[in-house]
Amino acid sequence: MEQNCNPTYGRVDELLSLLTKSKSLHMLMVLDRGGNPSRFSELKKLVDSSSTTIARRLNELELHGLVSRTQPTNSGPGFEYSITEDARTLSPILQSLFEWVDERSHRTV
């Protein structure tokens, strides 16, 4: 009997691959909890990473619909980044994952 794998598993793998890249989760958390859009330089400072890493992750997160980039009209050159509604729906899931890991880290194994 042949069983086909649900293609959603592949999409979950793709998302997890993106989220486990350096600083991806940290950037999503900063954007989610900050409440306001952030400029590149602010994100770089808040997640303590190189410009290259920040630029790559923002591009990847934007391509996957988790971050949006806008150019504000009244604050000079540059872009602001914010979390999308799709990413916002991930927030409780990521918070649960954080709590699960935190709880396990306090246990003796």
PDB file of N, CA and C in Angstrom:
ATOM      1  N   MET A   1       0.841  -1.170   0.000  1.00  0.00           N
ATOM      2  CA  MET A   1       0.000   0.000   0.000  1.00  0.00           C
ATOM      3  C   MET A   1       0.897   1.247   0.000  1.00  0.00           C
ATOM      4  N   GLU A   2       0.660   2.125  -0.938  1.00  0.00           N
ATOM      5  CA  GLU A   2       1.455   3.333  -1.075  1.00  0.00           C
ATOM      6  C   GLU A   2       0.787   4.477  -0.322  1.00  0.00           C
ATOM      7  N   GLN A   3       1.608   5.171   0.483  1.00  0.00           N
ATOM      8  CA  GLN A   3       1.103   6.335   1.189  1.00  0.00           C
ATOM      9  C   GLN A   3       1.831   7.565   0.670  1.00  0.00           C
ATOM     10  N   ASN A   4       1.069   8.575   0.377  1.00  0.00           N
ATOM     11  CA  ASN A   4       1.667   9.827  -0.057  1.00  0.00           C
ATOM     12  C   ASN A   4       1.830  10.746   1.141  1.00  0.00           C
ATOM     13  N   CYS A   5       2.945  11.416   1.168  1.00  0.00           N
ATOM     14  CA  CYS A   5       3.218  12.381   2.235  1.00  0.00           C
ATOM     15  C   CYS A   5       2.422  13.653   1.960  1.00  0.00           C
ATOM     16  N   ASN A   6       1.810  14.167   2.981  1.00  0.00           N
ATOM     17  CA  ASN A   6       1.070  15.412   2.867  1.00  0.00           C
ATOM     18  C   ASN A   6       2.054  16.526   2.497  1.00  0.00           C
ATOM     19  N   PRO A   7       1.813  17.266   1.410  1.00  0.00           N
ATOM     20  CA  PRO A   7       2.753  18.315   0.996  1.00  0.00           C
ATOM     21  C   PRO A   7       2.923  19.431   2.022  1.00  0.00           C
ATOM     22  N   THR A   8       2.006  19.529   2.972  1.00  0.00           N
ATOM     23  CA  THR A   8       2.149  20.540   4.011  1.00  0.00           C
ATOM     24  C   THR A   8       3.413  20.304   4.836  1.00  0.00           C
ATOM     25  N   TYR A   9       3.805  19.030   5.009  1.00  0.00           N
ATOM     26  CA  TYR A   9       5.036  18.739   5.754  1.00  0.00           C
ATOM     27  C   TYR A   9       6.237  19.422   5.095  1.00  0.00           C
ATOM     28  N   GLY A  10       6.281  19.426   3.793  1.00  0.00           N
ATOM     29  CA  GLY A  10       7.367  20.089   3.073  1.00  0.00           C
ATOM     30  C   GLY A  10       7.367  21.585   3.301  1.00  0.00           C
ATOM     31  N   ARG A  11       6.178  22.171   3.347  1.00  0.00           N
ATOM     32  CA  ARG A  11       6.080  23.618   3.596  1.00  0.00           C
ATOM     33  C   ARG A  11       6.466  23.963   5.034  1.00  0.00           C
ATOM     34  N   VAL A  12       6.141  23.063   5.964  1.00  0.00           N
ATOM     35  CA  VAL A  12       6.556  23.262   7.358  1.00  0.00           C
ATOM     36  C   VAL A  12       8.081  23.199   7.439  1.00  0.00           C
ATOM     37  N   ASP A  13       8.668  22.226   6.755  1.00  0.00           N
ATOM     38  CA  ASP A  13      10.139  22.124   6.724  1.00  0.00           C
ATOM     39  C   ASP A  13      10.767  23.401   6.179  1.00  0.00           C
ATOM     40  N   GLU A  14      10.172  23.940   5.124  1.00  0.00           N
ATOM     41  CA  GLU A  14      10.695  25.167   4.513  1.00  0.00           C
ATOM     42  C   GLU A  14      10.627  26.339   5.498  1.00  0.00           C
ATOM     43  N   LEU A  15       9.501  26.461   6.198  1.00  0.00           N
ATOM     44  CA  LEU A  15       9.354  27.527   7.173  1.00  0.00           C
ATOM     45  C   LEU A  15      10.351  27.364   8.319  1.00  0.00           C
ATOM     46  N   LEU A  16      10.475  26.140   8.827  1.00  0.00           N
ATOM     47  CA  LEU A  16      11.425  25.908   9.923  1.00  0.00           C
ATOM     48  C   LEU A  16      12.856  26.179   9.484  1.00  0.00           C
ATOM     49  N   SER A  17      13.163  25.857   8.269  1.00  0.00           N
ATOM     50  CA  SER A  17      14.497  26.142   7.741  1.00  0.00           C
ATOM     51  C   SER A  17      14.759  27.648   7.743  1.00  0.00           C
ATOM     52  N   LEU A  18      13.780  28.425   7.341  1.00  0.00           N
ATOM     53  CA  LEU A  18      13.918  29.883   7.342  1.00  0.00           C
ATOM     54  C   LEU A  18      14.047  30.416   8.769  1.00  0.00           C
ATOM     55  N   LEU A  19      13.181  29.949   9.652  1.00  0.00           N
ATOM     56  CA  LEU A  19      13.150  30.475  11.007  1.00  0.00           C
ATOM     57  C   LEU A  19      14.388  30.110  11.822  1.00  0.00           C
ATOM     58  N   THR A  20      15.055  29.039  11.448  1.00  0.00           N
ATOM     59  CA  THR A  20      16.242  28.629  12.202  1.00  0.00           C
ATOM     60  C   THR A  20      17.526  29.253  11.666  1.00  0.00           C
ATOM     61  N   LYS A  21      17.422  30.052  10.628  1.00  0.00           N
ATOM     62  CA  LYS A  21      18.603  30.781  10.159  1.00  0.00           C
ATOM     63  C   LYS A  21      18.954  31.859  11.177  1.00  0.00           C
ATOM     64  N   SER A  22      20.224  32.184  11.236  1.00  0.00           N
ATOM     65  CA  SER A  22      20.740  33.144  12.206  1.00  0.00           C
ATOM     66  C   SER A  22      19.912  34.430  12.236  1.00  0.00           C
ATOM     67  N   LYS A  23      19.420  34.751  13.409  1.00  0.00           N
ATOM     68  CA  LYS A  23      18.713  35.999  13.725  1.00  0.00           C
ATOM     69  C   LYS A  23      17.288  36.110  13.198  1.00  0.00           C
ATOM     70  N   SER A  24      16.784  35.127  12.451  1.00  0.00           N
ATOM     71  CA  SER A  24      15.412  35.223  11.925  1.00  0.00           C
ATOM     72  C   SER A  24      14.380  35.342  13.032  1.00  0.00           C
ATOM     73  N   LEU A  25      14.416  34.421  13.988  1.00  0.00           N
ATOM     74  CA  LEU A  25      13.438  34.458  15.075  1.00  0.00           C
ATOM     75  C   LEU A  25      13.601  35.711  15.924  1.00  0.00           C
ATOM     76  N   HIS A  26      14.827  36.084  16.168  1.00  0.00           N
ATOM     77  CA  HIS A  26      15.094  37.274  16.973  1.00  0.00           C
ATOM     78  C   HIS A  26      14.508  38.516  16.294  1.00  0.00           C
ATOM     79  N   MET A  27      14.700  38.632  14.983  1.00  0.00           N
ATOM     80  CA  MET A  27      14.164  39.777  14.250  1.00  0.00           C
ATOM     81  C   MET A  27      12.637  39.790  14.275  1.00  0.00           C
ATOM     82  N   LEU A  28      12.018  38.649  14.087  1.00  0.00           N
ATOM     83  CA  LEU A  28      10.554  38.582  14.144  1.00  0.00           C
ATOM     84  C   LEU A  28      10.050  38.978  15.527  1.00  0.00           C
ATOM     85  N   MET A  29      10.739  38.518  16.577  1.00  0.00           N
ATOM     86  CA  MET A  29      10.340  38.864  17.934  1.00  0.00           C
ATOM     87  C   MET A  29      10.453  40.373  18.161  1.00  0.00           C
ATOM     88  N   VAL A  30      11.563  40.965  17.737  1.00  0.00           N
ATOM     89  CA  VAL A  30      11.766  42.407  17.903  1.00  0.00           C
ATOM     90  C   VAL A  30      10.677  43.189  17.164  1.00  0.00           C
ATOM     91  N   LEU A  31      10.395  42.797  15.933  1.00  0.00           N
ATOM     92  CA  LEU A  31       9.370  43.498  15.157  1.00  0.00           C
ATOM     93  C   LEU A  31       7.976  43.304  15.746  1.00  0.00           C
ATOM     94  N   ASP A  32       7.716  42.114  16.264  1.00  0.00           N
ATOM     95  CA  ASP A  32       6.407  41.816  16.840  1.00  0.00           C
ATOM     96  C   ASP A  32       6.200  42.569  18.145  1.00  0.00           C
ATOM     97  N   ARG A  33       7.178  42.534  18.995  1.00  0.00           N
ATOM     98  CA  ARG A  33       7.024  43.133  20.324  1.00  0.00           C
ATOM     99  C   ARG A  33       7.249  44.640  20.327  1.00  0.00           C
ATOM    100  N   GLY A  34       7.933  45.138  19.305  1.00  0.00           N
ATOM    101  CA  GLY A  34       8.194  46.578  19.246  1.00  0.00           C
ATOM    102  C   GLY A  34       6.950  47.391  18.999  1.00  0.00           C
ATOM    103  N   GLY A  35       6.018  46.824  18.271  1.00  0.00           N
ATOM    104  CA  GLY A  35       4.758  47.508  18.011  1.00  0.00           C
ATOM    105  C   GLY A  35       4.795  48.521  16.887  1.00  0.00           C
ATOM    106  N   ASN A  36       5.961  49.025  16.549  1.00  0.00           N
ATOM    107  CA  ASN A  36       6.103  50.003  15.473  1.00  0.00           C
ATOM    108  C   ASN A  36       7.115  49.491  14.456  1.00  0.00           C
ATOM    109  N   PRO A  37       7.028  49.978  13.232  1.00  0.00           N
ATOM    110  CA  PRO A  37       8.046  49.598  12.246  1.00  0.00           C
ATOM    111  C   PRO A  37       9.438  50.021  12.716  1.00  0.00           C
ATOM    112  N   SER A  38      10.441  49.289  12.270  1.00  0.00           N
ATOM    113  CA  SER A  38      11.827  49.583  12.641  1.00  0.00           C
ATOM    114  C   SER A  38      12.665  49.812  11.403  1.00  0.00           C
ATOM    115  N   ARG A  39      13.601  50.704  11.525  1.00  0.00           N
ATOM    116  CA  ARG A  39      14.576  50.930  10.455  1.00  0.00           C
ATOM    117  C   ARG A  39      15.673  49.881  10.550  1.00  0.00           C
ATOM    118  N   PHE A  40      16.378  49.706   9.434  1.00  0.00           N
ATOM    119  CA  PHE A  40      17.455  48.739   9.338  1.00  0.00           C
ATOM    120  C   PHE A  40      18.460  48.911  10.485  1.00  0.00           C
ATOM    121  N   SER A  41      18.898  50.149  10.702  1.00  0.00           N
ATOM    122  CA  SER A  41      19.916  50.410  11.729  1.00  0.00           C
ATOM    123  C   SER A  41      19.408  50.065  13.134  1.00  0.00           C
ATOM    124  N   GLU A  42      18.119  50.279  13.386  1.00  0.00           N
ATOM    125  CA  GLU A  42      17.545  49.918  14.681  1.00  0.00           C
ATOM    126  C   GLU A  42      17.554  48.404  14.871  1.00  0.00           C
ATOM    127  N   LEU A  43      17.122  47.687  13.832  1.00  0.00           N
ATOM    128  CA  LEU A  43      17.121  46.225  13.907  1.00  0.00           C
ATOM    129  C   LEU A  43      18.525  45.687  14.120  1.00  0.00           C
ATOM    130  N   LYS A  44      19.468  46.239  13.392  1.00  0.00           N
ATOM    131  CA  LYS A  44      20.859  45.796  13.501  1.00  0.00           C
ATOM    132  C   LYS A  44      21.349  45.933  14.939  1.00  0.00           C
ATOM    133  N   LYS A  45      21.013  47.048  15.550  1.00  0.00           N
ATOM    134  CA  LYS A  45      21.433  47.295  16.931  1.00  0.00           C
ATOM    135  C   LYS A  45      20.703  46.366  17.905  1.00  0.00           C
ATOM    136  N   LEU A  46      19.405  46.206  17.710  1.00  0.00           N
ATOM    137  CA  LEU A  46      18.598  45.414  18.647  1.00  0.00           C
ATOM    138  C   LEU A  46      18.916  43.921  18.610  1.00  0.00           C
ATOM    139  N   VAL A  47      19.261  43.397  17.441  1.00  0.00           N
ATOM    140  CA  VAL A  47      19.565  41.960  17.362  1.00  0.00           C
ATOM    141  C   VAL A  47      21.059  41.691  17.376  1.00  0.00           C
ATOM    142  N   ASP A  48      21.862  42.755  17.426  1.00  0.00           N
ATOM    143  CA  ASP A  48      23.313  42.643  17.543  1.00  0.00           C
ATOM    144  C   ASP A  48      23.893  41.698  16.489  1.00  0.00           C
ATOM    145  N   SER A  49      23.787  42.129  15.248  1.00  0.00           N
ATOM    146  CA  SER A  49      24.284  41.310  14.149  1.00  0.00           C
ATOM    147  C   SER A  49      24.882  42.196  13.064  1.00  0.00           C
ATOM    148  N   SER A  50      25.536  41.541  12.111  1.00  0.00           N
ATOM    149  CA  SER A  50      26.167  42.274  11.015  1.00  0.00           C
ATOM    150  C   SER A  50      25.117  42.784  10.032  1.00  0.00           C
ATOM    151  N   SER A  51      25.506  43.791   9.278  1.00  0.00           N
ATOM    152  CA  SER A  51      24.619  44.340   8.241  1.00  0.00           C
ATOM    153  C   SER A  51      24.261  43.280   7.211  1.00  0.00           C
ATOM    154  N   THR A  52      25.233  42.446   6.873  1.00  0.00           N
ATOM    155  CA  THR A  52      24.999  41.391   5.881  1.00  0.00           C
ATOM    156  C   THR A  52      23.929  40.422   6.351  1.00  0.00           C
ATOM    157  N   THR A  53      24.039  39.982   7.590  1.00  0.00           N
ATOM    158  CA  THR A  53      23.054  39.034   8.127  1.00  0.00           C
ATOM    159  C   THR A  53      21.675  39.669   8.192  1.00  0.00           C
ATOM    160  N   ILE A  54      21.602  40.901   8.677  1.00  0.00           N
ATOM    161  CA  ILE A  54      20.311  41.590   8.779  1.00  0.00           C
ATOM    162  C   ILE A  54      19.682  41.743   7.392  1.00  0.00           C
ATOM    163  N   ALA A  55      20.469  42.163   6.419  1.00  0.00           N
ATOM    164  CA  ALA A  55      19.954  42.359   5.059  1.00  0.00           C
ATOM    165  C   ALA A  55      19.453  41.046   4.467  1.00  0.00           C
ATOM    166  N   ARG A  56      20.211  39.980   4.642  1.00  0.00           N
ATOM    167  CA  ARG A  56      19.792  38.676   4.095  1.00  0.00           C
ATOM    168  C   ARG A  56      18.506  38.186   4.747  1.00  0.00           C
ATOM    169  N   ARG A  57      18.456  38.256   6.072  1.00  0.00           N
ATOM    170  CA  ARG A  57      17.260  37.771   6.764  1.00  0.00           C
ATOM    171  C   ARG A  57      16.040  38.608   6.430  1.00  0.00           C
ATOM    172  N   LEU A  58      16.192  39.913   6.375  1.00  0.00           N
ATOM    173  CA  LEU A  58      15.036  40.752   6.019  1.00  0.00           C
ATOM    174  C   LEU A  58      14.524  40.400   4.633  1.00  0.00           C
ATOM    175  N   ASN A  59      15.428  40.218   3.696  1.00  0.00           N
ATOM    176  CA  ASN A  59      15.040  39.849   2.335  1.00  0.00           C
ATOM    177  C   ASN A  59      14.305  38.504   2.326  1.00  0.00           C
ATOM    178  N   GLU A  60      14.841  37.515   3.026  1.00  0.00           N
ATOM    179  CA  GLU A  60      14.213  36.184   3.069  1.00  0.00           C
ATOM    180  C   GLU A  60      12.854  36.235   3.755  1.00  0.00           C
ATOM    181  N   LEU A  61      12.780  36.952   4.866  1.00  0.00           N
ATOM    182  CA  LEU A  61      11.505  37.058   5.581  1.00  0.00           C
ATOM    183  C   LEU A  61      10.466  37.808   4.750  1.00  0.00           C
ATOM    184  N   GLU A  62      10.910  38.807   4.006  1.00  0.00           N
ATOM    185  CA  GLU A  62      10.003  39.540   3.123  1.00  0.00           C
ATOM    186  C   GLU A  62       9.515  38.647   1.981  1.00  0.00           C
ATOM    187  N   LEU A  63      10.425  37.880   1.396  1.00  0.00           N
ATOM    188  CA  LEU A  63      10.039  36.971   0.305  1.00  0.00           C
ATOM    189  C   LEU A  63       9.033  35.918   0.756  1.00  0.00           C
ATOM    190  N   HIS A  64       9.084  35.542   2.026  1.00  0.00           N
ATOM    191  CA  HIS A  64       8.160  34.547   2.571  1.00  0.00           C
ATOM    192  C   HIS A  64       6.907  35.182   3.190  1.00  0.00           C
ATOM    193  N   GLY A  65       6.766  36.494   3.031  1.00  0.00           N
ATOM    194  CA  GLY A  65       5.552  37.163   3.489  1.00  0.00           C
ATOM    195  C   GLY A  65       5.464  37.364   4.994  1.00  0.00           C
ATOM    196  N   LEU A  66       6.608  37.342   5.686  1.00  0.00           N
ATOM    197  CA  LEU A  66       6.592  37.502   7.135  1.00  0.00           C
ATOM    198  C   LEU A  66       6.984  38.909   7.579  1.00  0.00           C
ATOM    199  N   VAL A  67       7.639  39.648   6.704  1.00  0.00           N
ATOM    200  CA  VAL A  67       8.056  41.015   6.986  1.00  0.00           C
ATOM    201  C   VAL A  67       7.679  41.876   5.785  1.00  0.00           C
ATOM    202  N   SER A  68       7.229  43.085   6.065  1.00  0.00           N
ATOM    203  CA  SER A  68       6.950  44.022   4.977  1.00  0.00           C
ATOM    204  C   SER A  68       7.918  45.194   5.083  1.00  0.00           C
ATOM    205  N   ARG A  69       8.230  45.757   3.931  1.00  0.00           N
ATOM    206  CA  ARG A  69       9.166  46.879   3.845  1.00  0.00           C
ATOM    207  C   ARG A  69       8.428  48.056   3.221  1.00  0.00           C
ATOM    208  N   THR A  70       8.491  49.188   3.883  1.00  0.00           N
ATOM    209  CA  THR A  70       7.843  50.390   3.360  1.00  0.00           C
ATOM    210  C   THR A  70       8.821  51.557   3.435  1.00  0.00           C
ATOM    211  N   GLN A  71       8.611  52.510   2.551  1.00  0.00           N
ATOM    212  CA  GLN A  71       9.429  53.719   2.566  1.00  0.00           C
ATOM    213  C   GLN A  71       8.568  54.843   3.126  1.00  0.00           C
ATOM    214  N   PRO A  72       8.895  55.295   4.331  1.00  0.00           N
ATOM    215  CA  PRO A  72       8.091  56.366   4.926  1.00  0.00           C
ATOM    216  C   PRO A  72       8.227  57.662   4.132  1.00  0.00           C
ATOM    217  N   THR A  73       7.161  58.406   4.048  1.00  0.00           N
ATOM    218  CA  THR A  73       7.165  59.632   3.238  1.00  0.00           C
ATOM    219  C   THR A  73       7.778  60.823   3.952  1.00  0.00           C
ATOM    220  N   ASN A  74       7.788  60.804   5.270  1.00  0.00           N
ATOM    221  CA  ASN A  74       8.204  62.005   5.993  1.00  0.00           C
ATOM    222  C   ASN A  74       9.510  61.874   6.772  1.00  0.00           C
ATOM    223  N   SER A  75      10.244  60.803   6.607  1.00  0.00           N
ATOM    224  CA  SER A  75      11.424  60.645   7.466  1.00  0.00           C
ATOM    225  C   SER A  75      12.701  60.350   6.680  1.00  0.00           C
ATOM    226  N   GLY A  76      12.836  60.938   5.517  1.00  0.00           N
ATOM    227  CA  GLY A  76      14.076  60.809   4.763  1.00  0.00           C
ATOM    228  C   GLY A  76      14.230  59.481   4.044  1.00  0.00           C
ATOM    229  N   PRO A  77      15.432  59.256   3.522  1.00  0.00           N
ATOM    230  CA  PRO A  77      15.671  58.021   2.766  1.00  0.00           C
ATOM    231  C   PRO A  77      15.706  56.807   3.692  1.00  0.00           C
ATOM    232  N   GLY A  78      15.516  55.669   3.099  1.00  0.00           N
ATOM    233  CA  GLY A  78      15.560  54.426   3.864  1.00  0.00           C
ATOM    234  C   GLY A  78      14.192  53.783   3.955  1.00  0.00           C
ATOM    235  N   PHE A  79      14.192  52.610   4.538  1.00  0.00           N
ATOM    236  CA  PHE A  79      12.970  51.819   4.650  1.00  0.00           C
ATOM    237  C   PHE A  79      12.677  51.500   6.106  1.00  0.00           C
ATOM    238  N   GLU A  80      11.436  51.183   6.360  1.00  0.00           N
ATOM    239  CA  GLU A  80      11.011  50.671   7.658  1.00  0.00           C
ATOM    240  C   GLU A  80      10.479  49.261   7.453  1.00  0.00           C
ATOM    241  N   TYR A  81      10.693  48.424   8.434  1.00  0.00           N
ATOM    242  CA  TYR A  81      10.291  47.030   8.372  1.00  0.00           C
ATOM    243  C   TYR A  81       9.306  46.747   9.484  1.00  0.00           C
ATOM    244  N   SER A  82       8.289  45.980   9.137  1.00  0.00           N
ATOM    245  CA  SER A  82       7.303  45.588  10.136  1.00  0.00           C
ATOM    246  C   SER A  82       6.890  44.142   9.891  1.00  0.00           C
ATOM    247  N   ILE A  83       6.316  43.561  10.907  1.00  0.00           N
ATOM    248  CA  ILE A  83       5.848  42.180  10.833  1.00  0.00           C
ATOM    249  C   ILE A  83       4.499  42.167  10.099  1.00  0.00           C
ATOM    250  N   THR A  84       4.256  41.166   9.297  1.00  0.00           N
ATOM    251  CA  THR A  84       2.988  41.062   8.575  1.00  0.00           C
ATOM    252  C   THR A  84       1.946  40.356   9.448  1.00  0.00           C
ATOM    253  N   GLU A  85       0.713  40.406   9.013  1.00  0.00           N
ATOM    254  CA  GLU A  85      -0.348  39.693   9.729  1.00  0.00           C
ATOM    255  C   GLU A  85      -0.065  38.193   9.751  1.00  0.00           C
ATOM    256  N   ASP A  86       0.440  37.644   8.658  1.00  0.00           N
ATOM    257  CA  ASP A  86       0.786  36.215   8.643  1.00  0.00           C
ATOM    258  C   ASP A  86       1.793  35.892   9.730  1.00  0.00           C
ATOM    259  N   ALA A  87       2.805  36.725   9.855  1.00  0.00           N
ATOM    260  CA  ALA A  87       3.824  36.491  10.884  1.00  0.00           C
ATOM    261  C   ALA A  87       3.235  36.687  12.279  1.00  0.00           C
ATOM    262  N   ARG A  88       2.342  37.642  12.397  1.00  0.00           N
ATOM    263  CA  ARG A  88       1.723  37.893  13.707  1.00  0.00           C
ATOM    264  C   ARG A  88       0.945  36.658  14.182  1.00  0.00           C
ATOM    265  N   THR A  89       0.351  35.908  13.257  1.00  0.00           N
ATOM    266  CA  THR A  89      -0.375  34.705  13.661  1.00  0.00           C
ATOM    267  C   THR A  89       0.572  33.606  14.139  1.00  0.00           C
ATOM    268  N   LEU A  90       1.849  33.713  13.782  1.00  0.00           N
ATOM    269  CA  LEU A  90       2.851  32.761  14.275  1.00  0.00           C
ATOM    270  C   LEU A  90       3.281  33.068  15.701  1.00  0.00           C
ATOM    271  N   SER A  91       3.060  34.282  16.148  1.00  0.00           N
ATOM    272  CA  SER A  91       3.562  34.734  17.446  1.00  0.00           C
ATOM    273  C   SER A  91       3.203  33.807  18.609  1.00  0.00           C
ATOM    274  N   PRO A  92       1.933  33.405  18.769  1.00  0.00           N
ATOM    275  CA  PRO A  92       1.621  32.520  19.898  1.00  0.00           C
ATOM    276  C   PRO A  92       2.304  31.153  19.785  1.00  0.00           C
ATOM    277  N   ILE A  93       2.477  30.688  18.562  1.00  0.00           N
ATOM    278  CA  ILE A  93       3.153  29.404  18.352  1.00  0.00           C
ATOM    279  C   ILE A  93       4.617  29.515  18.757  1.00  0.00           C
ATOM    280  N   LEU A  94       5.261  30.600  18.334  1.00  0.00           N
ATOM    281  CA  LEU A  94       6.662  30.809  18.683  1.00  0.00           C
ATOM    282  C   LEU A  94       6.815  31.045  20.183  1.00  0.00           C
ATOM    283  N   GLN A  95       5.867  31.742  20.804  1.00  0.00           N
ATOM    284  CA  GLN A  95       5.914  31.951  22.246  1.00  0.00           C
ATOM    285  C   GLN A  95       5.792  30.615  22.979  1.00  0.00           C
ATOM    286  N   SER A  96       4.911  29.737  22.517  1.00  0.00           N
ATOM    287  CA  SER A  96       4.779  28.408  23.120  1.00  0.00           C
ATOM    288  C   SER A  96       6.064  27.613  22.990  1.00  0.00           C
ATOM    289  N   LEU A  97       6.698  27.707  21.837  1.00  0.00           N
ATOM    290  CA  LEU A  97       7.964  27.019  21.620  1.00  0.00           C
ATOM    291  C   LEU A  97       9.030  27.561  22.574  1.00  0.00           C
ATOM    292  N   PHE A  98       9.092  28.887  22.714  1.00  0.00           N
ATOM    293  CA  PHE A  98      10.028  29.521  23.636  1.00  0.00           C
ATOM    294  C   PHE A  98       9.796  29.010  25.056  1.00  0.00           C
ATOM    295  N   GLU A  99       8.546  28.992  25.495  1.00  0.00           N
ATOM    296  CA  GLU A  99       8.226  28.541  26.850  1.00  0.00           C
ATOM    297  C   GLU A  99       8.577  27.072  27.048  1.00  0.00           C
ATOM    298  N   TRP A 100       8.342  26.252  26.038  1.00  0.00           N
ATOM    299  CA  TRP A 100       8.676  24.829  26.106  1.00  0.00           C
ATOM    300  C   TRP A 100      10.182  24.642  26.292  1.00  0.00           C
ATOM    301  N   VAL A 101      10.966  25.364  25.500  1.00  0.00           N
ATOM    302  CA  VAL A 101      12.426  25.275  25.600  1.00  0.00           C
ATOM    303  C   VAL A 101      12.890  25.808  26.951  1.00  0.00           C
ATOM    304  N   ASP A 102      12.329  26.925  27.375  1.00  0.00           N
ATOM    305  CA  ASP A 102      12.717  27.516  28.652  1.00  0.00           C
ATOM    306  C   ASP A 102      12.424  26.560  29.805  1.00  0.00           C
ATOM    307  N   GLU A 103      11.254  25.950  29.788  1.00  0.00           N
ATOM    308  CA  GLU A 103      10.880  25.007  30.835  1.00  0.00           C
ATOM    309  C   GLU A 103      11.838  23.813  30.864  1.00  0.00           C
ATOM    310  N   ARG A 104      12.165  23.295  29.714  1.00  0.00           N
ATOM    311  CA  ARG A 104      13.084  22.146  29.646  1.00  0.00           C
ATOM    312  C   ARG A 104      14.482  22.515  30.100  1.00  0.00           C
ATOM    313  N   SER A 105      14.879  23.759  29.892  1.00  0.00           N
ATOM    314  CA  SER A 105      16.239  24.161  30.269  1.00  0.00           C
ATOM    315  C   SER A 105      16.414  24.200  31.779  1.00  0.00           C
ATOM    316  N   HIS A 106      15.316  24.281  32.528  1.00  0.00           N
ATOM    317  CA  HIS A 106      15.395  24.315  33.988  1.00  0.00           C
ATOM    318  C   HIS A 106      15.347  22.923  34.603  1.00  0.00           C
ATOM    319  N   ARG A 107      15.083  21.930  33.802  1.00  0.00           N
ATOM    320  CA  ARG A 107      15.045  20.538  34.305  1.00  0.00           C
ATOM    321  C   ARG A 107      16.457  19.970  34.299  1.00  0.00           C
ATOM    322  N   THR A 108      16.662  19.036  35.160  1.00  0.00           N
ATOM    323  CA  THR A 108      17.923  18.294  35.108  1.00  0.00           C
ATOM    324  C   THR A 108      17.696  17.060  34.251  1.00  0.00           C
ATOM    325  N   VAL A 109      18.565  16.870  33.345  1.00  0.00           N
ATOM    326  CA  VAL A 109      18.397  15.743  32.413  1.00  0.00           C
ATOM    327  C   VAL A 109      19.323  14.623  32.801  1.00  0.00           C
TER     328      VAL A 109
END
